[in-house]
Amino acid sequence: MQTPISVQDKKSFIDWFLNHFQLKKRESVWILNYLVNHDDLLTNVHFIREARFCPRAIVMSSHCSDEVPFRFYKNQLVTTDAEKSFHDIRLNQKEPLYIQLNFKNANQNAFYVAVLEDNPFIPEGFFITKKDQELAKKLLDNSLYNYKKKMLREQIDRSLDNKDEQTFLKLVEQLHKLEAYYSNQPKLLKQ
């Protein structure tokens, strides 16, 4: 389990961030300054990635980022109106608020990483790429092929031991079909 980030660490990070980056929307600065001055609010603030999955979240971007300037997510609603989000923050001080900050090299920034928390709302498998999925499918297909081939060979050996020519011929034909099918498929690990 992740250790909670202290209010002081969050304050220090926000102060550092505001001194090093210029946000695309001035209201974003107001919101961050408001949070810094209210410890009770900061206890419920969580810096995360992929805010769009959270029930109540804000995305803020600096000028050095190509991302949207500002987004506020509340359940299934999304708005770019920073004043509405500010109003919601003041009215719902006890609710968790998730914040995603977009700025140059954010994922490599030690100050940001120090306050980042795991996003509990990201769907399982979200970070699995298409390439990972294709590789996993090839690996599974290859394992299945090797298993079927092994089982057929064992059955062929048994049919030879039992001198069962009809079963032997049927199984050899199945093995040839399996090998022919596999030889036309993209390879991962051929054994």
N, C-alpha and C. Protein backbone atom coordinates (compact mmCIF):
# COMPACT_ATOMS: atom_id res chain seq x y z
N MET A 1 0.84 -1.18 0.00
CA MET A 1 0.00 0.00 0.00
C MET A 1 0.89 1.24 0.00
N GLN A 2 0.42 2.26 -0.68
CA GLN A 2 1.19 3.48 -0.83
C GLN A 2 1.07 4.37 0.42
N THR A 3 2.18 4.99 0.82
CA THR A 3 2.18 5.88 1.96
C THR A 3 1.49 7.19 1.57
N PRO A 4 0.59 7.69 2.41
CA PRO A 4 -0.08 8.95 2.07
C PRO A 4 0.93 10.10 1.98
N ILE A 5 0.67 11.01 1.06
CA ILE A 5 1.54 12.18 0.87
C ILE A 5 1.10 13.23 1.89
N SER A 6 2.05 13.80 2.60
CA SER A 6 1.72 14.79 3.63
C SER A 6 1.23 16.10 3.01
N VAL A 7 0.46 16.83 3.78
CA VAL A 7 -0.04 18.14 3.35
C VAL A 7 1.15 19.06 3.07
N GLN A 8 2.17 18.99 3.91
CA GLN A 8 3.35 19.85 3.72
C GLN A 8 4.06 19.53 2.41
N ASP A 9 4.17 18.25 2.07
CA ASP A 9 4.80 17.86 0.80
C ASP A 9 3.98 18.37 -0.39
N LYS A 10 2.67 18.29 -0.28
CA LYS A 10 1.81 18.80 -1.36
C LYS A 10 1.97 20.31 -1.50
N LYS A 11 2.00 21.02 -0.37
CA LYS A 11 2.19 22.48 -0.40
C LYS A 11 3.53 22.83 -1.06
N SER A 12 4.57 22.16 -0.63
CA SER A 12 5.91 22.42 -1.18
C SER A 12 5.93 22.18 -2.68
N PHE A 13 5.30 21.09 -3.10
CA PHE A 13 5.27 20.79 -4.53
C PHE A 13 4.51 21.87 -5.29
N ILE A 14 3.33 22.25 -4.81
CA ILE A 14 2.52 23.26 -5.52
C ILE A 14 3.30 24.58 -5.60
N ASP A 15 3.93 24.99 -4.50
CA ASP A 15 4.74 26.22 -4.52
C ASP A 15 5.86 26.11 -5.56
N TRP A 16 6.55 24.98 -5.55
CA TRP A 16 7.62 24.77 -6.53
C TRP A 16 7.05 24.84 -7.95
N PHE A 17 5.95 24.14 -8.17
CA PHE A 17 5.35 24.09 -9.50
C PHE A 17 4.96 25.49 -9.98
N LEU A 18 4.30 26.25 -9.13
CA LEU A 18 3.86 27.60 -9.52
C LEU A 18 5.05 28.53 -9.79
N ASN A 19 6.18 28.27 -9.16
CA ASN A 19 7.37 29.09 -9.39
C ASN A 19 8.16 28.68 -10.63
N HIS A 20 7.86 27.51 -11.17
CA HIS A 20 8.63 27.02 -12.32
C HIS A 20 7.83 26.88 -13.62
N PHE A 21 6.52 26.93 -13.53
CA PHE A 21 5.71 26.74 -14.73
C PHE A 21 4.59 27.76 -14.79
N GLN A 22 4.28 28.16 -16.02
CA GLN A 22 3.18 29.09 -16.25
C GLN A 22 2.01 28.29 -16.81
N LEU A 23 0.89 28.35 -16.12
CA LEU A 23 -0.28 27.59 -16.54
C LEU A 23 -1.03 28.32 -17.65
N LYS A 24 -1.68 27.54 -18.50
CA LYS A 24 -2.41 28.10 -19.65
C LYS A 24 -3.63 28.91 -19.21
N LYS A 25 -4.24 28.55 -18.11
CA LYS A 25 -5.40 29.29 -17.59
C LYS A 25 -5.05 29.91 -16.25
N ARG A 26 -5.29 31.19 -16.12
CA ARG A 26 -4.95 31.87 -14.86
C ARG A 26 -5.79 31.35 -13.69
N GLU A 27 -6.99 30.85 -13.99
CA GLU A 27 -7.83 30.28 -12.94
C GLU A 27 -7.18 29.05 -12.29
N SER A 28 -6.35 28.34 -13.06
CA SER A 28 -5.64 27.19 -12.52
C SER A 28 -4.70 27.63 -11.40
N VAL A 29 -4.06 28.77 -11.59
CA VAL A 29 -3.17 29.32 -10.56
C VAL A 29 -3.99 29.66 -9.32
N TRP A 30 -5.15 30.27 -9.52
CA TRP A 30 -6.01 30.63 -8.39
C TRP A 30 -6.40 29.38 -7.60
N ILE A 31 -6.78 28.33 -8.31
CA ILE A 31 -7.20 27.09 -7.65
C ILE A 31 -6.05 26.50 -6.84
N LEU A 32 -4.87 26.42 -7.46
CA LEU A 32 -3.72 25.85 -6.74
C LEU A 32 -3.35 26.70 -5.52
N ASN A 33 -3.41 28.03 -5.66
CA ASN A 33 -3.13 28.91 -4.51
C ASN A 33 -4.17 28.72 -3.41
N TYR A 34 -5.42 28.56 -3.80
CA TYR A 34 -6.49 28.32 -2.83
C TYR A 34 -6.22 27.03 -2.06
N LEU A 35 -5.83 25.99 -2.78
CA LEU A 35 -5.55 24.70 -2.13
C LEU A 35 -4.37 24.81 -1.17
N VAL A 36 -3.33 25.53 -1.56
CA VAL A 36 -2.15 25.69 -0.70
C VAL A 36 -2.51 26.35 0.62
N ASN A 37 -3.49 27.23 0.59
CA ASN A 37 -3.86 27.98 1.79
C ASN A 37 -4.95 27.30 2.62
N HIS A 38 -5.34 26.09 2.26
CA HIS A 38 -6.37 25.36 3.00
C HIS A 38 -5.93 23.92 3.24
N ASP A 39 -5.30 23.71 4.39
CA ASP A 39 -4.78 22.39 4.73
C ASP A 39 -5.86 21.31 4.72
N ASP A 40 -7.05 21.66 5.20
CA ASP A 40 -8.13 20.68 5.25
C ASP A 40 -8.50 20.19 3.85
N LEU A 41 -8.41 21.07 2.87
CA LEU A 41 -8.68 20.68 1.48
C LEU A 41 -7.54 19.80 0.94
N LEU A 42 -6.31 20.21 1.25
CA LEU A 42 -5.15 19.49 0.72
C LEU A 42 -5.09 18.04 1.20
N THR A 43 -5.68 17.76 2.34
CA THR A 43 -5.67 16.36 2.81
C THR A 43 -6.44 15.46 1.85
N ASN A 44 -7.40 16.04 1.13
CA ASN A 44 -8.22 15.26 0.18
C ASN A 44 -7.77 15.42 -1.27
N VAL A 45 -6.65 16.10 -1.50
CA VAL A 45 -6.12 16.28 -2.85
C VAL A 45 -5.12 15.17 -3.14
N HIS A 46 -5.24 14.60 -4.33
CA HIS A 46 -4.35 13.52 -4.76
C HIS A 46 -3.84 13.84 -6.16
N PHE A 47 -2.53 13.89 -6.32
CA PHE A 47 -1.94 14.09 -7.64
C PHE A 47 -1.81 12.73 -8.31
N ILE A 48 -2.37 12.63 -9.51
CA ILE A 48 -2.44 11.34 -10.19
C ILE A 48 -2.21 11.53 -11.69
N ARG A 49 -2.18 10.42 -12.40
CA ARG A 49 -2.17 10.42 -13.87
C ARG A 49 -3.54 9.95 -14.34
N GLU A 50 -3.89 10.31 -15.54
CA GLU A 50 -5.15 9.87 -16.18
C GLU A 50 -6.37 10.26 -15.35
N ALA A 51 -6.51 11.55 -15.11
CA ALA A 51 -7.60 12.07 -14.28
C ALA A 51 -8.98 11.80 -14.87
N ARG A 52 -9.07 11.61 -16.14
CA ARG A 52 -10.39 11.43 -16.78
C ARG A 52 -11.16 10.23 -16.23
N PHE A 53 -10.48 9.32 -15.56
CA PHE A 53 -11.15 8.15 -15.00
C PHE A 53 -11.68 8.39 -13.58
N CYS A 54 -11.33 9.51 -13.00
CA CYS A 54 -11.69 9.77 -11.61
C CYS A 54 -13.09 10.39 -11.52
N PRO A 55 -13.78 10.16 -10.40
CA PRO A 55 -15.13 10.73 -10.24
C PRO A 55 -15.12 12.25 -10.07
N ARG A 56 -14.02 12.79 -9.57
CA ARG A 56 -13.92 14.25 -9.37
C ARG A 56 -12.46 14.63 -9.56
N ALA A 57 -12.17 15.29 -10.67
CA ALA A 57 -10.77 15.54 -11.00
C ALA A 57 -10.60 16.81 -11.83
N ILE A 58 -9.37 17.31 -11.76
CA ILE A 58 -9.00 18.49 -12.54
C ILE A 58 -7.73 18.17 -13.32
N VAL A 59 -7.70 18.61 -14.57
CA VAL A 59 -6.50 18.54 -15.39
C VAL A 59 -6.09 19.97 -15.68
N MET A 60 -4.83 20.30 -15.37
CA MET A 60 -4.28 21.63 -15.62
C MET A 60 -3.01 21.46 -16.44
N SER A 61 -2.82 22.36 -17.40
CA SER A 61 -1.64 22.25 -18.26
C SER A 61 -0.86 23.55 -18.29
N SER A 62 0.45 23.40 -18.36
CA SER A 62 1.32 24.57 -18.48
C SER A 62 1.49 24.89 -19.96
N HIS A 63 2.07 26.04 -20.23
CA HIS A 63 2.28 26.47 -21.62
C HIS A 63 3.24 25.55 -22.37
N CYS A 64 4.11 24.86 -21.66
CA CYS A 64 5.07 23.97 -22.33
C CYS A 64 4.47 22.61 -22.67
N SER A 65 3.18 22.43 -22.43
CA SER A 65 2.49 21.17 -22.70
C SER A 65 1.54 21.35 -23.88
N ASP A 66 1.38 20.29 -24.66
CA ASP A 66 0.43 20.32 -25.79
C ASP A 66 -0.98 19.90 -25.36
N GLU A 67 -1.16 19.58 -24.11
CA GLU A 67 -2.44 19.10 -23.60
C GLU A 67 -3.45 20.25 -23.44
N VAL A 68 -4.71 19.87 -23.22
CA VAL A 68 -5.78 20.86 -23.02
C VAL A 68 -5.43 21.75 -21.84
N PRO A 69 -5.80 23.04 -21.89
CA PRO A 69 -5.46 23.96 -20.80
C PRO A 69 -6.08 23.59 -19.45
N PHE A 70 -7.37 23.18 -19.49
CA PHE A 70 -8.08 22.93 -18.23
C PHE A 70 -9.27 22.02 -18.48
N ARG A 71 -9.46 21.07 -17.59
CA ARG A 71 -10.66 20.22 -17.62
C ARG A 71 -11.04 19.89 -16.18
N PHE A 72 -12.34 19.91 -15.93
CA PHE A 72 -12.86 19.49 -14.64
C PHE A 72 -13.83 18.35 -14.88
N TYR A 73 -13.59 17.24 -14.18
CA TYR A 73 -14.44 16.05 -14.30
C TYR A 73 -15.21 15.87 -13.01
N LYS A 74 -16.51 15.71 -13.14
CA LYS A 74 -17.36 15.42 -11.98
C LYS A 74 -18.33 14.34 -12.42
N ASN A 75 -18.09 13.13 -11.93
CA ASN A 75 -18.83 11.95 -12.36
C ASN A 75 -18.75 11.83 -13.88
N GLN A 76 -19.83 11.88 -14.60
CA GLN A 76 -19.75 11.75 -16.06
C GLN A 76 -19.71 13.10 -16.78
N LEU A 77 -19.70 14.18 -16.04
CA LEU A 77 -19.69 15.52 -16.65
C LEU A 77 -18.27 16.05 -16.78
N VAL A 78 -18.04 16.79 -17.88
CA VAL A 78 -16.73 17.40 -18.11
C VAL A 78 -16.97 18.85 -18.50
N THR A 79 -16.19 19.76 -17.90
CA THR A 79 -16.30 21.16 -18.26
C THR A 79 -14.91 21.79 -18.35
N THR A 80 -14.83 22.86 -19.10
CA THR A 80 -13.58 23.64 -19.17
C THR A 80 -13.72 24.92 -18.36
N ASP A 81 -14.85 25.05 -17.66
CA ASP A 81 -15.13 26.24 -16.86
C ASP A 81 -14.46 26.10 -15.48
N ALA A 82 -13.37 26.82 -15.30
CA ALA A 82 -12.60 26.73 -14.05
C ALA A 82 -13.38 27.28 -12.86
N GLU A 83 -14.24 28.25 -13.10
CA GLU A 83 -15.03 28.82 -12.00
C GLU A 83 -15.98 27.78 -11.41
N LYS A 84 -16.56 26.95 -12.26
CA LYS A 84 -17.46 25.89 -11.77
C LYS A 84 -16.68 24.91 -10.90
N SER A 85 -15.48 24.58 -11.33
CA SER A 85 -14.68 23.64 -10.53
C SER A 85 -14.29 24.27 -9.20
N PHE A 86 -13.94 25.56 -9.22
CA PHE A 86 -13.59 26.26 -7.98
C PHE A 86 -14.77 26.24 -7.01
N HIS A 87 -15.96 26.50 -7.54
CA HIS A 87 -17.18 26.48 -6.74
C HIS A 87 -17.39 25.07 -6.15
N ASP A 88 -17.19 24.05 -6.94
CA ASP A 88 -17.34 22.67 -6.48
C ASP A 88 -16.32 22.34 -5.39
N ILE A 89 -15.11 22.81 -5.54
CA ILE A 89 -14.07 22.57 -4.53
C ILE A 89 -14.47 23.18 -3.19
N ARG A 90 -14.98 24.40 -3.23
CA ARG A 90 -15.38 25.07 -1.99
C ARG A 90 -16.58 24.40 -1.34
N LEU A 91 -17.52 23.90 -2.15
CA LEU A 91 -18.73 23.27 -1.61
C LEU A 91 -18.51 21.84 -1.11
N ASN A 92 -17.56 21.16 -1.67
CA ASN A 92 -17.35 19.74 -1.37
C ASN A 92 -15.94 19.49 -0.84
N GLN A 93 -15.63 20.14 0.25
CA GLN A 93 -14.27 20.12 0.79
C GLN A 93 -13.84 18.77 1.33
N LYS A 94 -14.77 17.92 1.68
CA LYS A 94 -14.43 16.61 2.26
C LYS A 94 -14.29 15.51 1.20
N GLU A 95 -14.67 15.81 -0.03
CA GLU A 95 -14.58 14.81 -1.10
C GLU A 95 -13.17 14.77 -1.68
N PRO A 96 -12.70 13.59 -2.06
CA PRO A 96 -11.39 13.51 -2.71
C PRO A 96 -11.38 14.29 -4.03
N LEU A 97 -10.28 14.95 -4.27
CA LEU A 97 -10.08 15.71 -5.51
C LEU A 97 -8.78 15.22 -6.13
N TYR A 98 -8.86 14.75 -7.36
CA TYR A 98 -7.69 14.22 -8.06
C TYR A 98 -7.22 15.26 -9.06
N ILE A 99 -5.92 15.51 -9.06
CA ILE A 99 -5.36 16.54 -9.94
C ILE A 99 -4.27 15.93 -10.81
N GLN A 100 -4.39 16.21 -12.11
CA GLN A 100 -3.36 15.82 -13.08
C GLN A 100 -2.75 17.10 -13.62
N LEU A 101 -1.44 17.21 -13.53
CA LEU A 101 -0.73 18.38 -14.06
C LEU A 101 0.05 17.95 -15.29
N ASN A 102 -0.13 18.71 -16.36
CA ASN A 102 0.60 18.43 -17.60
C ASN A 102 1.64 19.52 -17.79
N PHE A 103 2.89 19.11 -17.82
CA PHE A 103 3.99 20.05 -18.08
C PHE A 103 5.15 19.25 -18.67
N LYS A 104 6.11 19.96 -19.21
CA LYS A 104 7.22 19.32 -19.90
C LYS A 104 7.94 18.33 -18.98
N ASN A 105 8.12 17.12 -19.49
CA ASN A 105 8.82 16.04 -18.77
C ASN A 105 8.20 15.72 -17.41
N ALA A 106 6.90 15.86 -17.30
CA ALA A 106 6.21 15.62 -16.02
C ALA A 106 6.49 14.21 -15.48
N ASN A 107 6.50 13.21 -16.37
CA ASN A 107 6.70 11.83 -15.92
C ASN A 107 8.11 11.56 -15.40
N GLN A 108 9.03 12.47 -15.72
CA GLN A 108 10.42 12.30 -15.29
C GLN A 108 10.80 13.29 -14.20
N ASN A 109 9.85 14.09 -13.77
CA ASN A 109 10.16 15.14 -12.80
C ASN A 109 10.10 14.58 -11.38
N ALA A 110 11.23 14.63 -10.68
CA ALA A 110 11.33 14.05 -9.33
C ALA A 110 10.37 14.71 -8.35
N PHE A 111 10.15 16.02 -8.47
CA PHE A 111 9.25 16.73 -7.55
C PHE A 111 7.80 16.24 -7.74
N TYR A 112 7.41 16.06 -8.99
CA TYR A 112 6.05 15.60 -9.29
C TYR A 112 5.87 14.13 -8.88
N VAL A 113 6.85 13.31 -9.25
CA VAL A 113 6.77 11.88 -8.92
C VAL A 113 6.69 11.68 -7.40
N ALA A 114 7.32 12.57 -6.64
CA ALA A 114 7.31 12.45 -5.17
C ALA A 114 5.91 12.62 -4.59
N VAL A 115 5.04 13.35 -5.27
CA VAL A 115 3.67 13.55 -4.75
C VAL A 115 2.63 12.74 -5.53
N LEU A 116 3.05 12.07 -6.59
CA LEU A 116 2.11 11.27 -7.39
C LEU A 116 1.63 10.07 -6.60
N GLU A 117 0.36 9.77 -6.76
CA GLU A 117 -0.24 8.58 -6.15
C GLU A 117 -0.82 7.72 -7.26
N ASP A 118 -1.01 6.45 -6.95
CA ASP A 118 -1.66 5.57 -7.92
C ASP A 118 -3.10 6.00 -8.09
N ASN A 119 -3.55 6.01 -9.33
CA ASN A 119 -4.94 6.34 -9.62
C ASN A 119 -5.79 5.07 -9.44
N PRO A 120 -6.65 5.04 -8.43
CA PRO A 120 -7.43 3.82 -8.16
C PRO A 120 -8.56 3.59 -9.17
N PHE A 121 -8.76 4.54 -10.07
CA PHE A 121 -9.89 4.44 -11.00
C PHE A 121 -9.49 4.04 -12.43
N ILE A 122 -8.20 3.85 -12.66
CA ILE A 122 -7.75 3.45 -13.99
C ILE A 122 -8.21 2.02 -14.24
N PRO A 123 -8.84 1.79 -15.39
CA PRO A 123 -9.31 0.43 -15.70
C PRO A 123 -8.13 -0.54 -15.78
N GLU A 124 -8.38 -1.77 -15.34
CA GLU A 124 -7.35 -2.79 -15.38
C GLU A 124 -6.92 -3.00 -16.84
N GLY A 125 -5.63 -3.09 -17.05
CA GLY A 125 -5.12 -3.31 -18.40
C GLY A 125 -5.00 -2.05 -19.23
N PHE A 126 -5.25 -0.89 -18.66
CA PHE A 126 -5.22 0.37 -19.42
C PHE A 126 -3.86 0.64 -20.03
N PHE A 127 -2.80 0.31 -19.31
CA PHE A 127 -1.46 0.63 -19.79
C PHE A 127 -0.86 -0.47 -20.66
N ILE A 128 -1.64 -1.50 -20.96
CA ILE A 128 -1.16 -2.55 -21.85
C ILE A 128 -1.31 -2.07 -23.29
N THR A 129 -0.21 -2.05 -24.02
CA THR A 129 -0.23 -1.53 -25.38
C THR A 129 -0.72 -2.59 -26.36
N LYS A 130 -1.04 -2.16 -27.56
CA LYS A 130 -1.44 -3.08 -28.63
C LYS A 130 -0.33 -4.08 -28.88
N LYS A 131 0.91 -3.59 -28.87
CA LYS A 131 2.05 -4.46 -29.11
C LYS A 131 2.13 -5.54 -28.03
N ASP A 132 1.90 -5.14 -26.76
CA ASP A 132 1.89 -6.12 -25.66
C ASP A 132 0.79 -7.15 -25.87
N GLN A 133 -0.38 -6.69 -26.29
CA GLN A 133 -1.50 -7.60 -26.52
C GLN A 133 -1.18 -8.59 -27.64
N GLU A 134 -0.58 -8.08 -28.72
CA GLU A 134 -0.23 -8.95 -29.85
C GLU A 134 0.84 -9.97 -29.44
N LEU A 135 1.82 -9.51 -28.67
CA LEU A 135 2.87 -10.40 -28.20
C LEU A 135 2.29 -11.49 -27.30
N ALA A 136 1.38 -11.11 -26.41
CA ALA A 136 0.74 -12.08 -25.52
C ALA A 136 -0.07 -13.10 -26.32
N LYS A 137 -0.77 -12.64 -27.37
CA LYS A 137 -1.56 -13.54 -28.21
C LYS A 137 -0.65 -14.52 -28.93
N LYS A 138 0.45 -14.02 -29.47
CA LYS A 138 1.40 -14.91 -30.16
C LYS A 138 1.98 -15.94 -29.21
N LEU A 139 2.32 -15.49 -28.00
CA LEU A 139 2.87 -16.40 -27.01
C LEU A 139 1.85 -17.49 -26.64
N LEU A 140 0.60 -17.07 -26.45
CA LEU A 140 -0.46 -18.02 -26.13
C LEU A 140 -0.68 -19.00 -27.28
N ASP A 141 -0.73 -18.47 -28.52
CA ASP A 141 -0.91 -19.33 -29.69
C ASP A 141 0.23 -20.34 -29.81
N ASN A 142 1.45 -19.87 -29.57
CA ASN A 142 2.62 -20.74 -29.66
C ASN A 142 2.56 -21.83 -28.59
N SER A 143 2.16 -21.46 -27.38
CA SER A 143 2.05 -22.44 -26.29
C SER A 143 0.98 -23.48 -26.61
N LEU A 144 -0.14 -23.00 -27.14
CA LEU A 144 -1.23 -23.90 -27.50
C LEU A 144 -0.79 -24.87 -28.61
N TYR A 145 -0.09 -24.33 -29.61
CA TYR A 145 0.43 -25.17 -30.70
C TYR A 145 1.34 -26.26 -30.15
N ASN A 146 2.30 -25.85 -29.29
CA ASN A 146 3.25 -26.83 -28.73
C ASN A 146 2.53 -27.89 -27.89
N TYR A 147 1.52 -27.49 -27.15
CA TYR A 147 0.76 -28.43 -26.34
C TYR A 147 0.01 -29.43 -27.23
N LYS A 148 -0.70 -28.90 -28.24
CA LYS A 148 -1.45 -29.79 -29.14
C LYS A 148 -0.51 -30.76 -29.86
N LYS A 149 0.63 -30.25 -30.30
CA LYS A 149 1.62 -31.08 -31.01
C LYS A 149 2.14 -32.19 -30.09
N LYS A 150 2.43 -31.86 -28.85
CA LYS A 150 2.93 -32.84 -27.89
C LYS A 150 1.87 -33.92 -27.63
N MET A 151 0.60 -33.48 -27.45
CA MET A 151 -0.48 -34.43 -27.19
C MET A 151 -0.68 -35.37 -28.39
N LEU A 152 -0.63 -34.82 -29.60
CA LEU A 152 -0.80 -35.65 -30.80
C LEU A 152 0.35 -36.66 -30.92
N ARG A 153 1.56 -36.23 -30.65
CA ARG A 153 2.71 -37.15 -30.73
C ARG A 153 2.58 -38.29 -29.71
N GLU A 154 2.11 -37.94 -28.50
CA GLU A 154 1.91 -38.98 -27.48
C GLU A 154 0.83 -39.97 -27.91
N GLN A 155 -0.25 -39.44 -28.53
CA GLN A 155 -1.32 -40.31 -29.01
C GLN A 155 -0.84 -41.18 -30.18
N ILE A 156 0.02 -40.61 -31.03
CA ILE A 156 0.59 -41.36 -32.15
C ILE A 156 1.45 -42.50 -31.61
N ASP A 157 2.29 -42.19 -30.61
CA ASP A 157 3.12 -43.23 -30.00
C ASP A 157 2.26 -44.35 -29.41
N ARG A 158 1.18 -43.96 -28.74
CA ARG A 158 0.27 -44.97 -28.16
C ARG A 158 -0.37 -45.83 -29.24
N SER A 159 -0.78 -45.19 -30.34
CA SER A 159 -1.40 -45.97 -31.42
C SER A 159 -0.40 -46.93 -32.06
N LEU A 160 0.89 -46.54 -32.11
CA LEU A 160 1.93 -47.45 -32.61
C LEU A 160 2.14 -48.61 -31.64
N ASP A 161 2.18 -48.29 -30.35
CA ASP A 161 2.34 -49.34 -29.33
C ASP A 161 1.19 -50.35 -29.39
N ASN A 162 -0.01 -49.81 -29.70
CA ASN A 162 -1.20 -50.67 -29.76
C ASN A 162 -1.41 -51.27 -31.15
N LYS A 163 -0.49 -50.95 -32.07
CA LYS A 163 -0.58 -51.44 -33.46
C LYS A 163 -1.94 -51.10 -34.08
N ASP A 164 -2.42 -49.85 -33.80
CA ASP A 164 -3.72 -49.37 -34.30
C ASP A 164 -3.46 -48.46 -35.50
N GLU A 165 -3.39 -49.07 -36.68
CA GLU A 165 -3.02 -48.34 -37.91
C GLU A 165 -4.02 -47.24 -38.25
N GLN A 166 -5.30 -47.51 -38.10
CA GLN A 166 -6.34 -46.54 -38.46
C GLN A 166 -6.22 -45.27 -37.59
N THR A 167 -6.08 -45.45 -36.29
CA THR A 167 -5.92 -44.31 -35.38
C THR A 167 -4.60 -43.59 -35.68
N PHE A 168 -3.55 -44.38 -35.94
CA PHE A 168 -2.25 -43.80 -36.27
C PHE A 168 -2.36 -42.87 -37.48
N LEU A 169 -2.97 -43.33 -38.56
CA LEU A 169 -3.10 -42.53 -39.79
C LEU A 169 -3.92 -41.25 -39.55
N LYS A 170 -5.00 -41.41 -38.78
CA LYS A 170 -5.86 -40.25 -38.46
C LYS A 170 -5.06 -39.20 -37.66
N LEU A 171 -4.31 -39.65 -36.66
CA LEU A 171 -3.54 -38.73 -35.82
C LEU A 171 -2.39 -38.07 -36.59
N VAL A 172 -1.73 -38.83 -37.46
CA VAL A 172 -0.65 -38.27 -38.29
C VAL A 172 -1.22 -37.18 -39.20
N GLU A 173 -2.39 -37.42 -39.75
CA GLU A 173 -3.05 -36.42 -40.60
C GLU A 173 -3.36 -35.15 -39.80
N GLN A 174 -3.86 -35.32 -38.57
CA GLN A 174 -4.14 -34.17 -37.71
C GLN A 174 -2.85 -33.39 -37.39
N LEU A 175 -1.77 -34.14 -37.14
CA LEU A 175 -0.48 -33.49 -36.86
C LEU A 175 0.01 -32.69 -38.06
N HIS A 176 -0.13 -33.27 -39.26
CA HIS A 176 0.29 -32.55 -40.48
C HIS A 176 -0.54 -31.29 -40.70
N LYS A 177 -1.84 -31.39 -40.45
CA LYS A 177 -2.71 -30.21 -40.58
C LYS A 177 -2.31 -29.12 -39.58
N LEU A 178 -2.05 -29.54 -38.34
CA LEU A 178 -1.64 -28.59 -37.29
C LEU A 178 -0.33 -27.91 -37.69
N GLU A 179 0.64 -28.68 -38.16
CA GLU A 179 1.94 -28.12 -38.54
C GLU A 179 1.80 -27.21 -39.76
N ALA A 180 0.95 -27.60 -40.72
CA ALA A 180 0.74 -26.78 -41.92
C ALA A 180 0.09 -25.45 -41.53
N TYR A 181 -0.90 -25.52 -40.64
CA TYR A 181 -1.57 -24.30 -40.19
C TYR A 181 -0.58 -23.39 -39.46
N TYR A 182 0.21 -23.99 -38.59
CA TYR A 182 1.17 -23.20 -37.80
C TYR A 182 2.24 -22.58 -38.70
N SER A 183 2.67 -23.30 -39.73
CA SER A 183 3.73 -22.77 -40.60
C SER A 183 3.27 -21.53 -41.37
N ASN A 184 1.95 -21.32 -41.48
CA ASN A 184 1.41 -20.14 -42.17
C ASN A 184 1.11 -18.98 -41.22
N GLN A 185 1.38 -19.15 -39.94
CA GLN A 185 1.09 -18.12 -38.94
C GLN A 185 2.36 -17.32 -38.63
N PRO A 186 2.17 -16.05 -38.16
CA PRO A 186 3.35 -15.27 -37.73
C PRO A 186 4.04 -15.99 -36.57
N LYS A 187 5.35 -15.97 -36.59
CA LYS A 187 6.11 -16.72 -35.59
C LYS A 187 6.46 -15.86 -34.38
N LEU A 188 6.50 -16.48 -33.24
CA LEU A 188 7.00 -15.85 -32.02
C LEU A 188 8.25 -16.61 -31.59
N LEU A 189 8.03 -17.81 -31.14
CA LEU A 189 9.13 -18.66 -30.70
C LEU A 189 8.91 -20.04 -31.32
N LYS A 190 9.61 -20.38 -32.30
CA LYS A 190 9.43 -21.70 -32.92
C LYS A 190 10.36 -22.68 -32.26
N GLN A 191 9.83 -23.82 -31.89
CA GLN A 191 10.66 -24.82 -31.23
C GLN A 191 10.91 -25.99 -32.16
